[in-house]
Amino acid sequence: MNGTIQPQNDIIAICDYVRSRNMKTHLDGARLWDVASATSTPLQDLCAPFDTVTMCFSKGLGAPIGSMLVGPKELIKKARWFRKQFGGGMRQTGLLSACAAYALTHNYPMLTRVHRLARRLEEGLKQTGVEILCRAETCMVFYDPAPIGVTYRQIIHRAGTLPNPVLLNGSRLIIHIQTSDSAVDDLLKVIADLASERKARGDPIHPPKKDGSYTDVYLVAGPGPKAYVE
């Protein structure tokens, strides 16, 4: 959830309760690989509490290009029937299998670096004075630049005009295997420069007032065209 790791004991307790109510559990495992890498927990152990799991693999840009459903044999047989009913049948699966094999062999070991870079990004953001909305436990960090008097849209515009543009759309920053160290350095410099320029102009800071209630960490730049992705 938001790149954070849920305690496995809590996951087991939730699944045990659901099973006691004669219901089934399903895990959307889009970031399951990150948890396995960060905690050195075997995937089999992470999947064990659930009845079914979807596991995604990607080409490195964060968005999955394929996923597989894992579960009991009879359920998978039924799932295949539904897939064909909705036109999802595919005979030439070799390409997807090759992508998955490549991701396991070459991409998965790179997650250690990804998580390390995400933590470096988080530390750099804290040093600029922004608020960390959700810490970087794996590949994501959420931040709010309001405390330094800078807006998301200012950051998006400045970062998008760099010689090597950094594309953003709000509070969520995701590091993936193709994110370079220099991209992180460039983004941190953009934020620091904007804060320095605001201070030099003497512009006031009007951070939002907080009443202690839950705040959604997903914040976007606001109305108007958006640059996308992390």
Protein backbone atom coordinates (compact mmCIF):
# COMPACT_ATOMS: atom_id res chain seq x y z
CA MET A 1 0.00 0.00 0.00
CA ASN A 2 1.63 3.23 -1.20
CA GLY A 3 4.89 1.34 -1.45
CA THR A 4 4.84 0.38 2.24
CA ILE A 5 5.22 -3.16 3.53
CA GLN A 6 2.35 -4.65 5.48
CA PRO A 7 3.41 -6.83 8.45
CA GLN A 8 3.07 -10.45 7.40
CA ASN A 9 1.53 -11.41 10.76
CA ASP A 10 -1.27 -8.90 10.10
CA ILE A 11 -1.80 -10.33 6.62
CA ILE A 12 -2.08 -13.85 8.03
CA ALA A 13 -4.53 -12.69 10.73
CA ILE A 14 -6.74 -10.92 8.18
CA CYS A 15 -6.81 -13.94 5.87
CA ASP A 16 -7.55 -16.30 8.76
CA TYR A 17 -10.49 -14.12 9.81
CA VAL A 18 -11.86 -13.92 6.26
CA ARG A 19 -11.57 -17.69 5.90
CA SER A 20 -13.43 -18.15 9.21
CA ARG A 21 -16.33 -16.22 7.63
CA ASN A 22 -16.40 -18.64 4.68
CA MET A 23 -15.04 -16.07 2.25
CA LYS A 24 -11.98 -16.09 0.03
CA THR A 25 -9.05 -13.70 -0.24
CA HIS A 26 -7.26 -12.34 -3.29
CA LEU A 27 -3.95 -10.48 -3.40
CA ASP A 28 -3.24 -7.90 -6.10
CA GLY A 29 0.49 -8.57 -6.17
CA ALA A 30 1.62 -5.69 -8.38
CA ARG A 31 4.37 -4.80 -5.87
CA LEU A 32 4.85 -8.27 -4.43
CA TRP A 33 8.30 -8.56 -5.97
CA ASP A 34 9.36 -5.41 -4.12
CA VAL A 35 8.25 -6.87 -0.79
CA ALA A 36 10.05 -10.13 -1.47
CA SER A 37 13.23 -8.27 -2.34
CA ALA A 38 13.08 -5.79 0.55
CA THR A 39 12.31 -8.39 3.24
CA SER A 40 14.11 -11.42 1.77
CA THR A 41 10.85 -13.33 2.20
CA PRO A 42 10.18 -16.17 -0.27
CA LEU A 43 7.30 -15.46 -2.63
CA GLN A 44 5.73 -18.74 -1.59
CA ASP A 45 5.44 -17.49 2.01
CA LEU A 46 3.98 -14.13 0.90
CA CYS A 47 1.37 -15.84 -1.26
CA ALA A 48 0.51 -18.66 1.17
CA PRO A 49 -2.22 -16.85 3.22
CA PHE A 50 -4.29 -16.04 0.10
CA ASP A 51 -6.63 -18.16 -2.00
CA THR A 52 -5.56 -16.44 -5.24
CA VAL A 53 -2.84 -14.01 -6.26
CA THR A 54 -2.13 -11.95 -9.36
CA MET A 55 1.54 -11.33 -9.99
CA CYS A 56 2.67 -8.68 -12.46
CA PHE A 57 5.85 -8.23 -14.44
CA SER A 58 6.92 -5.13 -16.33
CA LYS A 59 9.54 -3.86 -18.73
CA GLY A 60 10.87 -1.55 -16.03
CA LEU A 61 8.75 1.57 -16.39
CA GLY A 62 6.45 0.74 -13.50
CA ALA A 63 3.39 -0.16 -15.58
CA PRO A 64 2.85 -3.94 -15.91
CA ILE A 65 2.85 -5.46 -19.38
CA GLY A 66 1.47 -8.77 -18.19
CA SER A 67 0.27 -10.66 -15.15
CA MET A 68 -0.48 -14.20 -14.10
CA LEU A 69 -3.13 -15.63 -11.83
CA VAL A 70 -1.99 -18.10 -9.19
CA GLY A 71 -4.35 -20.36 -7.29
CA PRO A 72 -5.81 -23.88 -6.93
CA LYS A 73 -5.86 -25.98 -10.09
CA GLU A 74 -9.65 -26.13 -10.37
CA LEU A 75 -10.00 -22.37 -9.93
CA ILE A 76 -7.38 -21.69 -12.61
CA LYS A 77 -9.28 -24.00 -14.95
CA LYS A 78 -12.45 -21.98 -14.32
CA ALA A 79 -10.56 -18.67 -14.73
CA ARG A 80 -9.31 -19.79 -18.13
CA TRP A 81 -12.89 -20.52 -19.17
CA PHE A 82 -13.99 -17.01 -18.15
CA ARG A 83 -10.98 -15.49 -19.89
CA LYS A 84 -11.97 -17.11 -23.18
CA GLN A 85 -15.61 -16.09 -22.67
CA PHE A 86 -14.51 -12.46 -22.63
CA GLY A 87 -12.15 -12.79 -25.57
CA GLY A 88 -8.99 -13.02 -23.51
CA GLY A 89 -7.67 -16.23 -25.02
CA MET A 90 -4.16 -16.09 -26.44
CA ARG A 91 -2.28 -18.87 -28.15
CA GLN A 92 1.06 -17.14 -28.77
CA THR A 93 2.09 -16.92 -25.13
CA GLY A 94 5.77 -17.45 -25.80
CA LEU A 95 6.46 -13.71 -25.97
CA LEU A 96 4.86 -13.07 -22.57
CA SER A 97 6.69 -16.06 -21.10
CA ALA A 98 9.97 -14.71 -22.43
CA CYS A 99 9.27 -11.30 -20.87
CA ALA A 100 8.51 -12.93 -17.52
CA ALA A 101 11.66 -15.07 -17.68
CA TYR A 102 13.79 -12.03 -18.54
CA ALA A 103 12.23 -10.00 -15.71
CA LEU A 104 12.96 -12.75 -13.20
CA THR A 105 16.53 -13.24 -14.35
CA HIS A 106 17.61 -9.64 -15.03
CA ASN A 107 15.15 -7.19 -13.46
CA TYR A 108 14.31 -8.74 -10.10
CA PRO A 109 17.89 -8.59 -8.76
CA MET A 110 17.95 -4.85 -9.58
CA LEU A 111 15.22 -4.04 -7.04
CA THR A 112 17.80 -3.75 -4.26
CA ARG A 113 19.29 -0.74 -6.04
CA VAL A 114 15.81 0.65 -6.73
CA HIS A 115 14.91 0.61 -3.04
CA ARG A 116 18.24 2.14 -2.07
CA LEU A 117 17.73 4.95 -4.57
CA ALA A 118 14.19 5.57 -3.30
CA ARG A 119 15.51 5.98 0.24
CA ARG A 120 18.16 8.40 -1.04
CA LEU A 121 15.42 10.39 -2.75
CA GLU A 122 13.42 10.48 0.47
CA GLU A 123 16.41 11.71 2.47
CA GLY A 124 17.14 14.37 -0.14
CA LEU A 125 13.55 15.57 -0.07
CA LYS A 126 13.64 15.88 3.72
CA GLN A 127 16.80 17.96 3.47
CA THR A 128 15.04 20.41 1.14
CA GLY A 129 12.37 20.93 3.80
CA VAL A 130 9.38 19.30 2.10
CA GLU A 131 6.98 17.13 4.07
CA ILE A 132 7.22 13.36 3.60
CA LEU A 133 3.66 12.04 3.40
CA CYS A 134 4.61 8.37 3.14
CA ARG A 135 8.10 6.99 3.63
CA ALA A 136 10.09 5.01 1.10
CA GLU A 137 9.95 1.42 2.32
CA THR A 138 10.31 0.01 -1.19
CA CYS A 139 10.15 1.96 -4.46
CA MET A 140 7.72 4.80 -3.66
CA VAL A 141 7.91 8.03 -1.71
CA PHE A 142 5.11 10.60 -1.30
CA TYR A 143 5.88 14.24 -0.55
CA ASP A 144 4.27 17.67 -0.16
CA PRO A 145 6.30 20.80 -1.08
CA ALA A 146 3.85 23.22 0.58
CA PRO A 147 6.06 23.77 3.68
CA ILE A 148 8.76 25.38 1.48
CA GLY A 149 6.27 27.49 -0.48
CA VAL A 150 6.62 25.54 -3.73
CA THR A 151 3.79 23.94 -5.71
CA TYR A 152 3.63 20.66 -7.59
CA ARG A 153 2.94 22.52 -10.82
CA GLN A 154 6.10 24.60 -10.43
CA ILE A 155 8.13 21.45 -9.89
CA ILE A 156 6.46 19.68 -12.82
CA HIS A 157 7.18 22.59 -15.17
CA ARG A 158 10.80 23.07 -14.12
CA ALA A 159 11.61 19.35 -14.08
CA GLY A 160 9.97 18.91 -17.46
CA THR A 161 12.22 21.52 -19.07
CA LEU A 162 15.52 19.95 -17.95
CA PRO A 163 17.92 18.70 -20.68
CA ASN A 164 16.93 15.22 -19.49
CA PRO A 165 13.30 15.84 -18.45
CA VAL A 166 11.89 14.32 -15.28
CA LEU A 167 8.17 13.72 -15.76
CA LEU A 168 5.88 14.02 -12.72
CA ASN A 169 2.23 14.49 -11.88
CA GLY A 170 1.96 15.02 -8.14
CA SER A 171 2.92 13.66 -4.75
CA ARG A 172 3.80 10.11 -5.78
CA LEU A 173 7.36 9.46 -6.90
CA ILE A 174 8.20 5.95 -8.08
CA ILE A 175 11.71 4.68 -8.65
CA HIS A 176 12.10 1.83 -11.15
CA ILE A 177 15.04 -0.03 -12.63
CA GLN A 178 15.48 2.54 -15.41
CA THR A 179 15.62 5.51 -13.02
CA SER A 180 19.14 6.94 -12.95
CA ASP A 181 20.96 8.44 -10.00
CA SER A 182 21.27 11.65 -12.00
CA ALA A 183 17.47 11.88 -12.41
CA VAL A 184 17.08 11.84 -8.63
CA ASP A 185 19.83 14.46 -8.26
CA ASP A 186 18.19 16.64 -10.92
CA LEU A 187 14.79 16.50 -9.22
CA LEU A 188 16.21 17.36 -5.81
CA LYS A 189 18.10 20.31 -7.32
CA VAL A 190 14.93 21.57 -9.02
CA ILE A 191 13.06 21.59 -5.72
CA ALA A 192 15.95 23.22 -3.85
CA ASP A 193 16.35 25.89 -6.54
CA LEU A 194 12.65 26.71 -6.51
CA ALA A 195 12.70 27.05 -2.73
CA SER A 196 15.75 29.35 -2.90
CA GLU A 197 14.15 31.50 -5.59
CA ARG A 198 10.95 31.86 -3.57
CA LYS A 199 12.96 32.86 -0.50
CA ALA A 200 14.96 35.41 -2.50
CA ARG A 201 11.74 36.99 -3.79
CA GLY A 202 10.36 37.12 -0.27
CA ASP A 203 7.18 35.30 -1.25
CA PRO A 204 5.17 34.22 1.83
CA ILE A 205 4.54 30.58 2.66
CA HIS A 206 0.96 29.47 3.22
CA PRO A 207 1.10 25.76 4.04
CA PRO A 208 -2.29 24.08 4.40
CA LYS A 209 -3.68 23.87 7.91
CA LYS A 210 -3.96 20.37 9.30
CA ASP A 211 -6.70 19.34 11.71
CA GLY A 212 -5.22 15.98 12.65
CA SER A 213 -7.56 13.98 10.42
CA TYR A 214 -6.43 11.49 7.79
CA THR A 215 -4.91 13.10 4.71
CA ASP A 216 -4.84 11.36 1.35
CA VAL A 217 -1.23 11.06 0.23
CA TYR A 218 -2.24 11.07 -3.45
CA LEU A 219 -2.01 14.72 -4.42
CA VAL A 220 -1.91 15.99 -8.00
CA ALA A 221 -0.88 19.26 -9.55
CA GLY A 222 -4.41 20.56 -10.03
CA PRO A 223 -6.53 21.53 -13.06
CA GLY A 224 -4.90 21.73 -16.43
CA PRO A 225 -2.71 19.45 -18.56
CA LYS A 226 -0.72 16.89 -16.61
CA ALA A 227 2.67 15.47 -17.27
CA TYR A 228 2.80 11.77 -16.49
CA VAL A 229 4.49 9.43 -14.90
CA GLU A 230 6.87 9.00 -12.02
